[in-house]
């Protein structure tokens, strides 16, 4: 498990985990970036578990637009990273 929290924020179907719930030792900074027209520029992490690397499987918005302010300091996952919700989310 690379992240766990009962305080995720769901935006566009993706769960954004607070940094306190993310095992940062499993994330390695990537050089990849993308731009969302309403959230801003996203930066990526590779997810590393043991000797397995899942390239660009986590992302975050270091300086989100005002419309996306609630995902600041949060990380979301994709590319085969399974996300389960056990509690209602914000």
N, C-alpha and C. Protein backbone atom coordinates (compact mmCIF):
# COMPACT_ATOMS: atom_id res chain seq x y z
N UNK A 1 0.85 -1.17 0.00
CA UNK A 1 0.00 0.00 0.00
C UNK A 1 0.90 1.24 0.00
N UNK A 2 0.62 2.16 -0.91
CA UNK A 2 1.43 3.37 -1.00
C UNK A 2 0.71 4.60 -0.46
N UNK A 3 -0.59 4.49 -0.20
CA UNK A 3 -1.33 5.61 0.37
C UNK A 3 -2.57 5.09 1.08
N UNK A 4 -2.95 5.80 2.15
CA UNK A 4 -4.15 5.43 2.88
C UNK A 4 -4.67 6.66 3.60
N UNK A 5 -5.96 6.90 3.46
CA UNK A 5 -6.58 8.04 4.13
C UNK A 5 -8.09 7.94 4.05
N UNK A 6 -8.76 8.48 5.04
CA UNK A 6 -10.21 8.62 4.98
C UNK A 6 -10.57 10.04 4.56
N UNK A 7 -9.56 10.82 4.17
CA UNK A 7 -9.74 12.23 3.80
C UNK A 7 -9.27 12.48 2.37
N UNK A 8 -9.79 11.72 1.42
CA UNK A 8 -9.44 11.99 0.03
C UNK A 8 -10.41 13.01 -0.55
N UNK A 9 -9.94 13.71 -1.56
CA UNK A 9 -10.78 14.64 -2.31
C UNK A 9 -10.92 14.06 -3.71
N UNK A 10 -12.14 13.89 -4.18
CA UNK A 10 -12.37 13.31 -5.51
C UNK A 10 -12.61 14.44 -6.51
N UNK A 11 -11.78 14.47 -7.54
CA UNK A 11 -11.90 15.45 -8.62
C UNK A 11 -11.77 14.69 -9.93
N UNK A 12 -12.71 14.87 -10.82
CA UNK A 12 -12.71 14.19 -12.12
C UNK A 12 -12.54 12.68 -11.96
N UNK A 13 -13.13 12.11 -10.91
CA UNK A 13 -13.08 10.67 -10.69
C UNK A 13 -11.81 10.16 -10.05
N UNK A 14 -10.87 11.04 -9.73
CA UNK A 14 -9.61 10.64 -9.11
C UNK A 14 -9.58 11.03 -7.64
N UNK A 15 -9.10 10.10 -6.81
CA UNK A 15 -8.95 10.37 -5.38
C UNK A 15 -7.60 11.03 -5.15
N UNK A 16 -7.63 12.21 -4.55
CA UNK A 16 -6.40 12.92 -4.18
C UNK A 16 -6.17 12.72 -2.69
N UNK A 17 -5.04 12.09 -2.36
CA UNK A 17 -4.70 11.77 -0.98
C UNK A 17 -3.89 12.89 -0.35
N UNK A 18 -4.14 13.19 0.93
CA UNK A 18 -3.31 14.18 1.60
C UNK A 18 -1.89 13.62 1.76
N UNK A 19 -0.90 14.50 1.75
CA UNK A 19 0.49 14.06 1.86
C UNK A 19 0.73 13.20 3.10
N UNK A 20 0.03 13.51 4.19
CA UNK A 20 0.21 12.74 5.42
C UNK A 20 -0.18 11.27 5.25
N UNK A 21 -1.02 10.96 4.27
CA UNK A 21 -1.45 9.59 4.04
C UNK A 21 -0.68 8.86 2.96
N UNK A 22 0.34 9.52 2.40
CA UNK A 22 1.11 8.94 1.29
C UNK A 22 2.47 8.49 1.79
N UNK A 23 2.86 7.29 1.44
CA UNK A 23 4.19 6.78 1.78
C UNK A 23 5.18 7.32 0.75
N UNK A 24 5.75 8.47 1.09
CA UNK A 24 6.63 9.16 0.15
C UNK A 24 7.86 8.35 -0.20
N UNK A 25 8.25 7.40 0.64
CA UNK A 25 9.40 6.55 0.32
C UNK A 25 9.13 5.67 -0.90
N UNK A 26 7.85 5.53 -1.28
CA UNK A 26 7.49 4.77 -2.48
C UNK A 26 7.34 5.64 -3.72
N UNK A 27 7.61 6.93 -3.60
CA UNK A 27 7.49 7.84 -4.74
C UNK A 27 8.85 8.41 -5.09
N UNK A 28 9.12 8.47 -6.39
CA UNK A 28 10.37 9.06 -6.89
C UNK A 28 9.99 10.13 -7.90
N UNK A 29 10.54 11.31 -7.72
CA UNK A 29 10.21 12.43 -8.61
C UNK A 29 10.48 12.07 -10.06
N UNK A 30 9.56 12.45 -10.93
CA UNK A 30 9.68 12.26 -12.37
C UNK A 30 9.91 13.62 -13.01
N UNK A 31 10.38 13.62 -14.23
CA UNK A 31 10.56 14.88 -14.95
C UNK A 31 9.33 15.23 -15.78
N UNK A 32 8.30 14.39 -15.72
CA UNK A 32 7.10 14.61 -16.53
C UNK A 32 6.20 15.70 -15.95
N UNK A 33 5.56 16.42 -16.86
CA UNK A 33 4.59 17.46 -16.50
C UNK A 33 3.49 17.47 -17.55
N UNK A 34 2.28 17.77 -17.13
CA UNK A 34 1.17 17.99 -18.05
C UNK A 34 0.41 19.21 -17.57
N UNK A 35 -0.45 19.74 -18.43
CA UNK A 35 -1.24 20.90 -18.05
C UNK A 35 -2.72 20.60 -18.23
N UNK A 36 -3.48 20.87 -17.19
CA UNK A 36 -4.93 20.78 -17.22
C UNK A 36 -5.47 22.19 -17.37
N UNK A 37 -6.43 22.37 -18.26
CA UNK A 37 -6.93 23.72 -18.53
C UNK A 37 -7.52 24.40 -17.30
N UNK A 38 -8.01 23.64 -16.33
CA UNK A 38 -8.61 24.31 -15.17
C UNK A 38 -7.89 24.05 -13.85
N UNK A 39 -7.02 23.04 -13.79
CA UNK A 39 -6.29 22.77 -12.55
C UNK A 39 -4.88 23.36 -12.56
N UNK A 40 -4.28 23.47 -13.73
CA UNK A 40 -2.93 24.01 -13.82
C UNK A 40 -1.93 22.94 -14.25
N UNK A 41 -0.67 23.14 -13.88
CA UNK A 41 0.39 22.22 -14.29
C UNK A 41 0.59 21.12 -13.24
N UNK A 42 0.55 19.88 -13.72
CA UNK A 42 0.76 18.72 -12.85
C UNK A 42 2.20 18.25 -12.95
N UNK A 43 2.73 17.81 -11.83
CA UNK A 43 4.04 17.15 -11.78
C UNK A 43 3.79 15.69 -11.41
N UNK A 44 4.73 14.82 -11.75
CA UNK A 44 4.53 13.38 -11.59
C UNK A 44 5.58 12.74 -10.70
N UNK A 45 5.19 11.60 -10.15
CA UNK A 45 6.09 10.70 -9.43
C UNK A 45 6.02 9.34 -10.09
N UNK A 46 7.14 8.62 -10.08
CA UNK A 46 7.13 7.20 -10.36
C UNK A 46 6.80 6.51 -9.04
N UNK A 47 5.98 5.47 -9.09
CA UNK A 47 5.67 4.69 -7.90
C UNK A 47 6.63 3.50 -7.88
N UNK A 48 7.38 3.37 -6.78
CA UNK A 48 8.40 2.34 -6.66
C UNK A 48 8.05 1.43 -5.48
N UNK A 49 7.88 0.14 -5.77
CA UNK A 49 7.62 -0.85 -4.74
C UNK A 49 8.59 -2.00 -4.98
N UNK A 50 9.51 -2.17 -4.06
CA UNK A 50 10.55 -3.17 -4.24
C UNK A 50 11.38 -2.82 -5.47
N UNK A 51 11.50 -3.76 -6.40
CA UNK A 51 12.26 -3.49 -7.63
C UNK A 51 11.34 -3.12 -8.80
N UNK A 52 10.06 -2.90 -8.51
CA UNK A 52 9.10 -2.54 -9.56
C UNK A 52 8.89 -1.03 -9.60
N UNK A 53 8.94 -0.48 -10.81
CA UNK A 53 8.74 0.96 -11.01
C UNK A 53 7.54 1.16 -11.93
N UNK A 54 6.59 1.94 -11.49
CA UNK A 54 5.42 2.28 -12.30
C UNK A 54 5.59 3.76 -12.68
N UNK A 55 6.06 3.99 -13.90
CA UNK A 55 6.42 5.33 -14.36
C UNK A 55 5.22 6.27 -14.37
N UNK A 56 5.42 7.45 -13.79
CA UNK A 56 4.41 8.52 -13.80
C UNK A 56 3.04 8.06 -13.28
N UNK A 57 3.03 7.19 -12.31
CA UNK A 57 1.77 6.63 -11.81
C UNK A 57 1.12 7.47 -10.73
N UNK A 58 1.78 8.53 -10.30
CA UNK A 58 1.20 9.44 -9.31
C UNK A 58 1.43 10.87 -9.78
N UNK A 59 0.49 11.75 -9.47
CA UNK A 59 0.67 13.14 -9.86
C UNK A 59 0.11 14.08 -8.81
N UNK A 60 0.55 15.32 -8.90
CA UNK A 60 0.10 16.35 -7.96
C UNK A 60 0.21 17.71 -8.64
N UNK A 61 -0.46 18.67 -8.07
CA UNK A 61 -0.44 20.04 -8.58
C UNK A 61 0.26 20.92 -7.54
N UNK A 62 1.54 21.25 -7.76
CA UNK A 62 2.27 22.03 -6.76
C UNK A 62 1.69 23.43 -6.56
N UNK A 63 1.09 23.98 -7.59
CA UNK A 63 0.51 25.33 -7.50
C UNK A 63 -0.79 25.34 -8.31
N UNK A 64 -1.83 24.67 -7.79
CA UNK A 64 -3.07 24.56 -8.56
C UNK A 64 -3.75 25.92 -8.72
N UNK A 65 -4.59 26.00 -9.73
CA UNK A 65 -5.38 27.22 -9.94
C UNK A 65 -6.33 27.41 -8.75
N UNK A 66 -6.85 28.62 -8.57
CA UNK A 66 -7.81 28.84 -7.48
C UNK A 66 -9.00 27.88 -7.54
N UNK A 67 -9.44 27.51 -8.73
CA UNK A 67 -10.57 26.59 -8.87
C UNK A 67 -10.25 25.19 -8.35
N UNK A 68 -8.97 24.85 -8.29
CA UNK A 68 -8.54 23.52 -7.84
C UNK A 68 -7.78 23.58 -6.52
N UNK A 69 -7.95 24.63 -5.77
CA UNK A 69 -7.18 24.83 -4.54
C UNK A 69 -7.32 23.67 -3.55
N UNK A 70 -8.44 22.97 -3.57
CA UNK A 70 -8.64 21.90 -2.59
C UNK A 70 -7.77 20.67 -2.84
N UNK A 71 -7.07 20.60 -3.99
CA UNK A 71 -6.16 19.47 -4.22
C UNK A 71 -4.70 19.83 -3.99
N UNK A 72 -4.44 21.04 -3.50
CA UNK A 72 -3.06 21.41 -3.16
C UNK A 72 -2.58 20.49 -2.03
N UNK A 73 -1.31 20.09 -2.12
CA UNK A 73 -0.70 19.20 -1.12
C UNK A 73 -1.39 17.84 -1.07
N UNK A 74 -1.86 17.38 -2.24
CA UNK A 74 -2.48 16.07 -2.36
C UNK A 74 -1.91 15.35 -3.58
N UNK A 75 -1.96 14.02 -3.55
CA UNK A 75 -1.41 13.18 -4.61
C UNK A 75 -2.48 12.22 -5.10
N UNK A 76 -2.57 12.04 -6.42
CA UNK A 76 -3.50 11.08 -7.03
C UNK A 76 -2.69 10.01 -7.76
N UNK A 77 -3.35 8.89 -8.06
CA UNK A 77 -2.67 7.74 -8.66
C UNK A 77 -3.44 7.21 -9.87
N UNK A 78 -2.70 6.59 -10.79
CA UNK A 78 -3.29 5.90 -11.95
C UNK A 78 -2.28 4.91 -12.49
N UNK A 79 -2.39 4.50 -13.76
CA UNK A 79 -1.48 3.53 -14.40
C UNK A 79 -1.41 2.23 -13.61
N UNK A 80 -2.55 1.69 -13.26
CA UNK A 80 -2.57 0.39 -12.62
C UNK A 80 -2.47 0.43 -11.10
N UNK A 81 -2.38 1.60 -10.50
CA UNK A 81 -2.39 1.69 -9.05
C UNK A 81 -3.85 1.60 -8.61
N UNK A 82 -4.16 0.58 -7.84
CA UNK A 82 -5.54 0.34 -7.41
C UNK A 82 -5.90 1.29 -6.27
N UNK A 83 -7.00 2.01 -6.42
CA UNK A 83 -7.48 2.93 -5.39
C UNK A 83 -8.82 2.41 -4.90
N UNK A 84 -8.92 2.20 -3.59
CA UNK A 84 -10.17 1.74 -2.99
C UNK A 84 -10.63 2.78 -1.98
N UNK A 85 -11.91 2.99 -1.92
CA UNK A 85 -12.49 3.93 -0.96
C UNK A 85 -13.25 3.14 0.09
N UNK A 86 -12.82 3.28 1.35
CA UNK A 86 -13.48 2.59 2.44
C UNK A 86 -14.42 3.51 3.21
N UNK A 87 -14.24 4.80 3.06
CA UNK A 87 -15.02 5.79 3.79
C UNK A 87 -15.56 6.82 2.81
N UNK A 88 -16.63 7.50 3.16
CA UNK A 88 -17.08 8.61 2.32
C UNK A 88 -15.97 9.65 2.18
N UNK A 89 -15.89 10.27 1.01
CA UNK A 89 -14.85 11.26 0.75
C UNK A 89 -15.46 12.62 0.55
N UNK A 90 -14.60 13.63 0.64
CA UNK A 90 -15.06 15.02 0.47
C UNK A 90 -15.34 15.32 -0.97
